Amino acid sequence: MFFNQFITFQTNIFETNIINLANKCIFIVVIFVGDTGKSLLRNRQKSISFNIQQAQQRARDTEQMYLNAQIKLQDTAFEVFEIKSKTKEIIQKQDEQYRKQREENIQRLQENQKIILYYYQKKKQKEVAQETIDHVLQKVNQKLNKNFNKKAQKLTHTACIQNLLTLKN
């Protein structure tokens, strides 16, 4: 039926052949070009459908990446908050430790100062005592030289030296 619509028979041989050939060419062109056009359109439709599917997949992937990024951002924000709070705690503990250490150092310095002052007082007392003893010995020596003989002086000196040695120890 479809074939009869395009092909008509002419009685004139010359016209019939050319017209028949033209009709056949047109028929062949329409059939093949139509099929090729349909094939091209189907291929284009498949290509567009495939591109749409890929675009939808990329959109889903992008949305998933966005959600993952939001989750990571929230996790990171929480970690930053934890780090800040831990840092504050550590700083407060260090400040407290430094304050205690300063107080201990000040107390130790005050104790050392008292010990040093006590040592210098004792040293000065010994020096004054030694000077006093030396002065007294000189006076005693002078008086002994005037009043006693050498034997008595020697006994007195020996006794004084022993007394001084006993006092020093």
Foldseek 3Di string as FASTA:
>chain_A
DVVVVQDDADPDPVCRVVSRVVSVVVVVCCVVVVVVVVVVVVVVVVVVVVVVVVVVVVVVVVVVVVVVVVVVVVVVVVVVVVVVVVVVVVVVVVVVVVVVVVVVVVVVVVVVVVVVVVVVVVVVVVVVVVVVLVVVVVVVLVVCVVPHDPVVSVVVVVVSVVVVVVVVD
